[in-house]
C-alpha cells in the first residue's frame, strides 16, 4: 500500500482553498479530480503549462514534465498532470499565460526561437 500526503490547494482564479489526501503513487491531478475537484488542465501529458502550480511548500516528483523548464522547476513550479506527491504539499494554481510568459516570453519577445523551444537550455 502506498503512503498518502495531504495537499492544500489555493485556487487563485476562484479564491477557493481546500485540503485533500493524495496517494504517492498516483498523479496529483488525477487524484484531485477523483475527489470531485476541478483544476485547470489541457494535454494531460506534461507538455503544456495549463495545469502548472507553484509549490509553496513540499516536494513533488515530476520526471515527465517536459513542458516545464529546469529553471522553473527549480523556482518551485510543477505540472500536476504528471506530478507525484513526495511530501505534504501547499500549492497554488497559476495563470497559464503567466507561466508561459515566465518560461518563453524572453525568447519570443526577442525573436530568438527559430526551431524548437528553449526547454533544455539550462
N, C-alpha and C. Protein backbone atom coordinates (compact mmCIF):
# COMPACT_ATOMS: atom_id res chain seq x y z
N UNK A 1 0.85 -1.19 0.00
CA UNK A 1 0.00 0.00 0.00
C UNK A 1 0.89 1.25 0.00
N UNK A 2 0.57 2.18 -0.87
CA UNK A 2 1.39 3.40 -0.92
C UNK A 2 0.94 4.38 0.15
N UNK A 3 1.86 5.24 0.51
CA UNK A 3 1.51 6.25 1.51
C UNK A 3 0.76 7.40 0.85
N UNK A 4 0.06 8.18 1.67
CA UNK A 4 -0.67 9.34 1.16
C UNK A 4 -0.10 10.60 1.77
N UNK A 5 -0.37 11.70 1.09
CA UNK A 5 0.10 13.00 1.55
C UNK A 5 -1.07 13.99 1.53
N UNK A 6 -1.01 14.95 2.41
CA UNK A 6 -2.03 16.00 2.47
C UNK A 6 -1.62 17.14 1.57
N UNK A 7 -2.54 17.56 0.72
CA UNK A 7 -2.27 18.68 -0.19
C UNK A 7 -3.27 19.79 0.08
N UNK A 8 -2.73 20.97 0.36
CA UNK A 8 -3.57 22.16 0.48
C UNK A 8 -3.48 22.91 -0.84
N UNK A 9 -4.63 23.12 -1.47
CA UNK A 9 -4.69 23.76 -2.78
C UNK A 9 -5.29 25.15 -2.62
N UNK A 10 -4.60 26.14 -3.14
CA UNK A 10 -5.15 27.50 -3.25
C UNK A 10 -5.44 27.74 -4.73
N UNK A 11 -6.73 27.85 -5.06
CA UNK A 11 -7.14 28.04 -6.45
C UNK A 11 -7.26 29.55 -6.68
N UNK A 12 -6.26 30.13 -7.31
CA UNK A 12 -6.21 31.59 -7.45
C UNK A 12 -7.39 32.17 -8.19
N UNK A 13 -7.83 31.51 -9.28
CA UNK A 13 -8.91 32.07 -10.10
C UNK A 13 -10.23 32.14 -9.34
N UNK A 14 -10.52 31.12 -8.54
CA UNK A 14 -11.81 31.09 -7.84
C UNK A 14 -11.72 31.60 -6.41
N UNK A 15 -10.51 31.71 -5.88
CA UNK A 15 -10.34 32.13 -4.50
C UNK A 15 -10.58 31.01 -3.49
N UNK A 16 -10.88 29.80 -3.99
CA UNK A 16 -11.14 28.67 -3.09
C UNK A 16 -9.84 28.10 -2.53
N UNK A 17 -9.96 27.54 -1.34
CA UNK A 17 -8.88 26.77 -0.75
C UNK A 17 -9.48 25.48 -0.24
N UNK A 18 -8.79 24.39 -0.44
CA UNK A 18 -9.25 23.11 0.09
C UNK A 18 -8.06 22.20 0.35
N UNK A 19 -8.30 21.18 1.17
CA UNK A 19 -7.27 20.23 1.54
C UNK A 19 -7.73 18.83 1.17
N UNK A 20 -6.82 18.08 0.56
CA UNK A 20 -7.12 16.73 0.09
C UNK A 20 -6.00 15.78 0.48
N UNK A 21 -6.32 14.51 0.48
CA UNK A 21 -5.31 13.46 0.65
C UNK A 21 -5.06 12.85 -0.72
N UNK A 22 -3.79 12.71 -1.10
CA UNK A 22 -3.47 12.07 -2.38
C UNK A 22 -2.44 10.97 -2.16
N UNK A 23 -2.60 9.85 -2.88
CA UNK A 23 -1.63 8.77 -2.77
C UNK A 23 -0.33 9.14 -3.48
N UNK A 24 0.76 8.62 -2.96
CA UNK A 24 2.08 8.91 -3.51
C UNK A 24 2.28 8.31 -4.89
N UNK A 25 1.52 7.27 -5.23
CA UNK A 25 1.76 6.56 -6.50
C UNK A 25 0.77 6.93 -7.61
N UNK A 26 0.01 8.02 -7.44
CA UNK A 26 -0.93 8.48 -8.47
C UNK A 26 -0.62 9.92 -8.81
N UNK A 27 -0.88 10.28 -10.07
CA UNK A 27 -0.69 11.68 -10.45
C UNK A 27 -1.60 12.56 -9.60
N UNK A 28 -1.09 13.69 -9.18
CA UNK A 28 -1.84 14.58 -8.29
C UNK A 28 -3.13 15.06 -8.96
N UNK A 29 -3.07 15.50 -10.21
CA UNK A 29 -4.27 16.00 -10.89
C UNK A 29 -5.36 14.93 -10.91
N UNK A 30 -5.01 13.73 -11.26
CA UNK A 30 -5.99 12.64 -11.32
C UNK A 30 -6.61 12.39 -9.95
N UNK A 31 -5.79 12.37 -8.93
CA UNK A 31 -6.28 12.15 -7.56
C UNK A 31 -7.23 13.25 -7.13
N UNK A 32 -6.90 14.48 -7.45
CA UNK A 32 -7.76 15.62 -7.09
C UNK A 32 -9.10 15.52 -7.83
N UNK A 33 -9.05 15.18 -9.12
CA UNK A 33 -10.28 15.04 -9.89
C UNK A 33 -11.17 13.92 -9.34
N UNK A 34 -10.55 12.82 -8.93
CA UNK A 34 -11.32 11.70 -8.39
C UNK A 34 -12.06 12.11 -7.11
N UNK A 35 -11.59 13.17 -6.47
CA UNK A 35 -12.23 13.64 -5.25
C UNK A 35 -13.21 14.79 -5.52
N UNK A 36 -13.54 14.97 -6.80
CA UNK A 36 -14.59 15.91 -7.17
C UNK A 36 -14.17 17.36 -7.31
N UNK A 37 -12.88 17.61 -7.36
CA UNK A 37 -12.39 19.00 -7.53
C UNK A 37 -11.93 19.21 -8.96
N UNK A 38 -12.16 20.42 -9.47
CA UNK A 38 -11.73 20.76 -10.82
C UNK A 38 -10.55 21.71 -10.78
N UNK A 39 -9.51 21.35 -11.48
CA UNK A 39 -8.36 22.22 -11.66
C UNK A 39 -8.09 22.34 -13.16
N UNK A 40 -7.43 23.41 -13.57
CA UNK A 40 -7.15 23.58 -15.00
C UNK A 40 -6.23 22.46 -15.52
N UNK A 41 -6.51 22.01 -16.74
CA UNK A 41 -5.62 21.07 -17.42
C UNK A 41 -5.90 21.15 -18.91
N UNK A 42 -5.00 20.62 -19.70
CA UNK A 42 -5.23 20.55 -21.13
C UNK A 42 -4.71 19.24 -21.69
N UNK A 43 -3.38 19.11 -21.82
CA UNK A 43 -2.83 17.96 -22.54
C UNK A 43 -2.77 16.67 -21.72
N UNK A 44 -2.68 16.78 -20.41
CA UNK A 44 -2.59 15.62 -19.51
C UNK A 44 -1.32 14.79 -19.69
N UNK A 45 -0.33 15.31 -20.40
CA UNK A 45 0.90 14.53 -20.55
C UNK A 45 2.17 15.33 -20.29
N UNK A 46 2.05 16.44 -19.58
CA UNK A 46 3.23 17.20 -19.18
C UNK A 46 3.87 18.05 -20.25
N UNK A 47 3.13 18.32 -21.33
CA UNK A 47 3.72 19.05 -22.45
C UNK A 47 3.29 20.52 -22.53
N UNK A 48 2.32 20.93 -21.72
CA UNK A 48 1.90 22.33 -21.75
C UNK A 48 1.98 22.89 -20.33
N UNK A 49 1.51 24.09 -20.12
CA UNK A 49 1.59 24.69 -18.78
C UNK A 49 0.22 24.97 -18.17
N UNK A 50 -0.84 24.40 -18.74
CA UNK A 50 -2.19 24.69 -18.26
C UNK A 50 -2.38 24.28 -16.79
N UNK A 51 -1.81 23.14 -16.38
CA UNK A 51 -2.01 22.65 -15.02
C UNK A 51 -0.89 23.07 -14.07
N UNK A 52 -0.09 24.04 -14.47
CA UNK A 52 1.05 24.46 -13.65
C UNK A 52 0.60 25.04 -12.31
N UNK A 53 1.33 24.70 -11.28
CA UNK A 53 1.12 25.25 -9.95
C UNK A 53 2.47 25.72 -9.42
N UNK A 54 2.39 26.59 -8.41
CA UNK A 54 3.60 26.99 -7.69
C UNK A 54 3.56 26.26 -6.36
N UNK A 55 4.64 25.56 -6.04
CA UNK A 55 4.72 24.85 -4.77
C UNK A 55 5.19 25.81 -3.70
N UNK A 56 4.35 26.06 -2.73
CA UNK A 56 4.70 26.94 -1.62
C UNK A 56 5.55 26.18 -0.62
N UNK A 57 5.16 24.92 -0.35
CA UNK A 57 5.99 24.06 0.48
C UNK A 57 5.74 22.62 0.09
N UNK A 58 6.75 21.78 0.28
CA UNK A 58 6.64 20.38 -0.04
C UNK A 58 7.46 20.00 -1.25
N UNK A 59 7.34 18.73 -1.64
CA UNK A 59 8.16 18.20 -2.71
C UNK A 59 7.34 17.28 -3.61
N UNK A 60 7.58 17.43 -4.93
CA UNK A 60 6.94 16.55 -5.91
C UNK A 60 8.01 15.87 -6.75
N UNK A 61 7.60 14.80 -7.39
CA UNK A 61 8.44 14.09 -8.35
C UNK A 61 7.74 14.21 -9.68
N UNK A 62 8.40 14.82 -10.69
CA UNK A 62 7.74 15.08 -11.97
C UNK A 62 8.68 14.82 -13.15
N UNK A 63 9.14 13.58 -13.31
CA UNK A 63 10.10 13.28 -14.38
C UNK A 63 9.55 13.46 -15.78
N UNK A 64 8.24 13.45 -15.95
CA UNK A 64 7.64 13.56 -17.28
C UNK A 64 7.21 14.99 -17.63
N UNK A 65 7.55 15.96 -16.81
CA UNK A 65 7.10 17.34 -17.04
C UNK A 65 7.97 18.02 -18.09
N UNK A 66 7.84 17.55 -19.34
CA UNK A 66 8.68 18.09 -20.40
C UNK A 66 8.31 19.53 -20.78
N UNK A 67 7.10 19.95 -20.42
CA UNK A 67 6.65 21.30 -20.76
C UNK A 67 7.12 22.37 -19.78
N UNK A 68 7.94 21.98 -18.81
CA UNK A 68 8.39 22.93 -17.79
C UNK A 68 9.91 22.94 -17.76
N UNK A 69 10.48 24.12 -17.93
CA UNK A 69 11.94 24.22 -17.98
C UNK A 69 12.57 23.87 -16.63
N UNK A 70 13.81 23.41 -16.64
CA UNK A 70 14.52 23.16 -15.38
C UNK A 70 14.57 24.40 -14.48
N UNK A 71 14.68 25.57 -15.09
CA UNK A 71 14.73 26.81 -14.29
C UNK A 71 13.43 27.02 -13.52
N UNK A 72 12.29 26.80 -14.17
CA UNK A 72 11.01 26.98 -13.48
C UNK A 72 10.79 25.88 -12.44
N UNK A 73 11.27 24.68 -12.72
CA UNK A 73 11.17 23.61 -11.71
C UNK A 73 11.94 24.01 -10.46
N UNK A 74 13.13 24.56 -10.66
CA UNK A 74 13.94 25.00 -9.51
C UNK A 74 13.27 26.13 -8.74
N UNK A 75 12.46 26.92 -9.44
CA UNK A 75 11.74 28.03 -8.79
C UNK A 75 10.45 27.56 -8.12
N UNK A 76 10.19 26.25 -8.15
CA UNK A 76 9.05 25.72 -7.42
C UNK A 76 7.79 25.49 -8.22
N UNK A 77 7.90 25.44 -9.53
CA UNK A 77 6.72 25.18 -10.35
C UNK A 77 6.62 23.69 -10.66
N UNK A 78 5.39 23.22 -10.81
CA UNK A 78 5.15 21.81 -11.13
C UNK A 78 3.94 21.69 -12.04
N UNK A 79 3.90 20.62 -12.81
CA UNK A 79 2.76 20.29 -13.65
C UNK A 79 2.01 19.15 -12.98
N UNK A 80 0.83 19.44 -12.47
CA UNK A 80 0.09 18.46 -11.67
C UNK A 80 -0.30 17.21 -12.44
N UNK A 81 -0.46 17.31 -13.75
CA UNK A 81 -0.90 16.15 -14.52
C UNK A 81 0.13 15.03 -14.52
N UNK A 82 1.40 15.37 -14.28
CA UNK A 82 2.47 14.36 -14.27
C UNK A 82 3.31 14.44 -13.00
N UNK A 83 2.74 14.96 -11.92
CA UNK A 83 3.47 15.09 -10.66
C UNK A 83 2.95 14.10 -9.62
N UNK A 84 3.89 13.56 -8.86
CA UNK A 84 3.57 12.69 -7.73
C UNK A 84 3.97 13.41 -6.45
N UNK A 85 3.13 13.37 -5.44
CA UNK A 85 3.46 13.98 -4.15
C UNK A 85 4.54 13.14 -3.47
N UNK A 86 5.56 13.81 -2.93
CA UNK A 86 6.61 13.14 -2.18
C UNK A 86 6.63 13.59 -0.72
N UNK A 87 5.72 14.51 -0.40
CA UNK A 87 5.56 15.01 0.96
C UNK A 87 4.21 15.69 1.03
N UNK A 88 3.82 16.18 2.19
CA UNK A 88 2.64 17.06 2.25
C UNK A 88 2.97 18.29 1.42
N UNK A 89 1.95 18.86 0.81
CA UNK A 89 2.16 19.98 -0.11
C UNK A 89 1.23 21.14 0.18
N UNK A 90 1.73 22.33 -0.09
CA UNK A 90 0.93 23.55 -0.12
C UNK A 90 1.17 24.11 -1.51
N UNK A 91 0.13 24.13 -2.36
CA UNK A 91 0.31 24.56 -3.74
C UNK A 91 -0.70 25.65 -4.11
N UNK A 92 -0.34 26.41 -5.13
CA UNK A 92 -1.19 27.50 -5.60
C UNK A 92 -1.29 27.40 -7.12
N UNK A 93 -2.53 27.38 -7.64
CA UNK A 93 -2.70 27.34 -9.09
C UNK A 93 -2.15 28.64 -9.68
N UNK A 94 -1.77 28.57 -10.93
CA UNK A 94 -1.17 29.71 -11.62
C UNK A 94 -1.98 30.05 -12.85
N UNK A 95 -1.84 31.25 -13.31
CA UNK A 95 -2.43 31.65 -14.58
C UNK A 95 -1.53 31.10 -15.68
N UNK A 96 -2.09 30.33 -16.61
CA UNK A 96 -1.28 29.71 -17.65
C UNK A 96 -0.45 30.73 -18.43
N UNK A 97 -1.05 31.87 -18.76
CA UNK A 97 -0.33 32.88 -19.52
C UNK A 97 0.87 33.41 -18.75
N UNK A 98 0.72 33.51 -17.44
CA UNK A 98 1.80 33.98 -16.58
C UNK A 98 2.98 33.00 -16.62
N UNK A 99 2.69 31.72 -16.50
CA UNK A 99 3.75 30.70 -16.53
C UNK A 99 4.38 30.65 -17.91
N UNK A 100 3.56 30.72 -18.94
CA UNK A 100 4.06 30.71 -20.31
C UNK A 100 5.02 31.88 -20.53
N UNK A 101 4.63 33.05 -20.05
CA UNK A 101 5.48 34.24 -20.19
C UNK A 101 6.79 34.07 -19.43
N UNK A 102 6.73 33.52 -18.22
CA UNK A 102 7.95 33.29 -17.44
C UNK A 102 8.90 32.36 -18.20
N UNK A 103 8.33 31.37 -18.84
CA UNK A 103 9.15 30.36 -19.49
C UNK A 103 9.63 30.76 -20.87
N UNK A 104 8.74 31.35 -21.68
CA UNK A 104 9.07 31.60 -23.07
C UNK A 104 9.12 33.06 -23.49
N UNK A 105 8.54 33.94 -22.68
CA UNK A 105 8.39 35.33 -23.10
C UNK A 105 9.66 36.00 -23.54
N UNK A 106 10.74 35.77 -22.81
CA UNK A 106 12.00 36.44 -23.16
C UNK A 106 12.54 35.99 -24.50
N UNK A 107 12.17 34.77 -24.93
CA UNK A 107 12.63 34.29 -26.23
C UNK A 107 11.77 34.82 -27.36
N UNK A 108 10.45 34.69 -27.20
CA UNK A 108 9.58 35.15 -28.27
C UNK A 108 9.64 36.66 -28.41
N UNK A 109 9.80 37.36 -27.31
CA UNK A 109 9.86 38.81 -27.36
C UNK A 109 11.09 39.27 -28.13
N UNK A 110 12.16 38.49 -28.09
CA UNK A 110 13.41 38.87 -28.75
C UNK A 110 13.60 38.15 -30.08
N UNK A 111 12.63 37.32 -30.46
CA UNK A 111 12.74 36.61 -31.73
C UNK A 111 13.83 35.56 -31.76
N UNK A 112 14.20 35.00 -30.62
CA UNK A 112 15.30 34.04 -30.58
C UNK A 112 14.90 32.61 -30.90
N UNK A 113 13.60 32.34 -30.94
CA UNK A 113 13.18 30.96 -31.19
C UNK A 113 13.07 30.75 -32.69
N UNK A 114 13.96 29.94 -33.23
CA UNK A 114 13.94 29.63 -34.67
C UNK A 114 13.31 28.26 -34.88
N UNK A 115 13.83 27.27 -34.20
CA UNK A 115 13.30 25.90 -34.31
C UNK A 115 13.34 25.28 -32.93
N UNK A 116 12.24 24.75 -32.50
CA UNK A 116 12.20 24.14 -31.19
C UNK A 116 12.01 25.16 -30.09
N UNK A 117 11.88 24.69 -28.88
CA UNK A 117 11.64 25.57 -27.75
C UNK A 117 12.81 25.48 -26.76
N UNK A 118 13.05 26.54 -26.03
CA UNK A 118 14.23 26.62 -25.15
C UNK A 118 14.04 25.92 -23.81
N UNK A 119 13.62 24.66 -23.81
CA UNK A 119 13.34 23.99 -22.56
C UNK A 119 14.58 23.38 -21.92
N UNK A 120 15.56 23.03 -22.72
CA UNK A 120 16.72 22.31 -22.18
C UNK A 120 17.96 23.18 -22.09
N UNK A 121 17.80 24.47 -22.15
CA UNK A 121 18.95 25.34 -22.20
C UNK A 121 19.80 25.32 -20.95
N UNK A 122 19.19 24.98 -19.80
CA UNK A 122 19.94 25.02 -18.56
C UNK A 122 20.95 23.90 -18.52
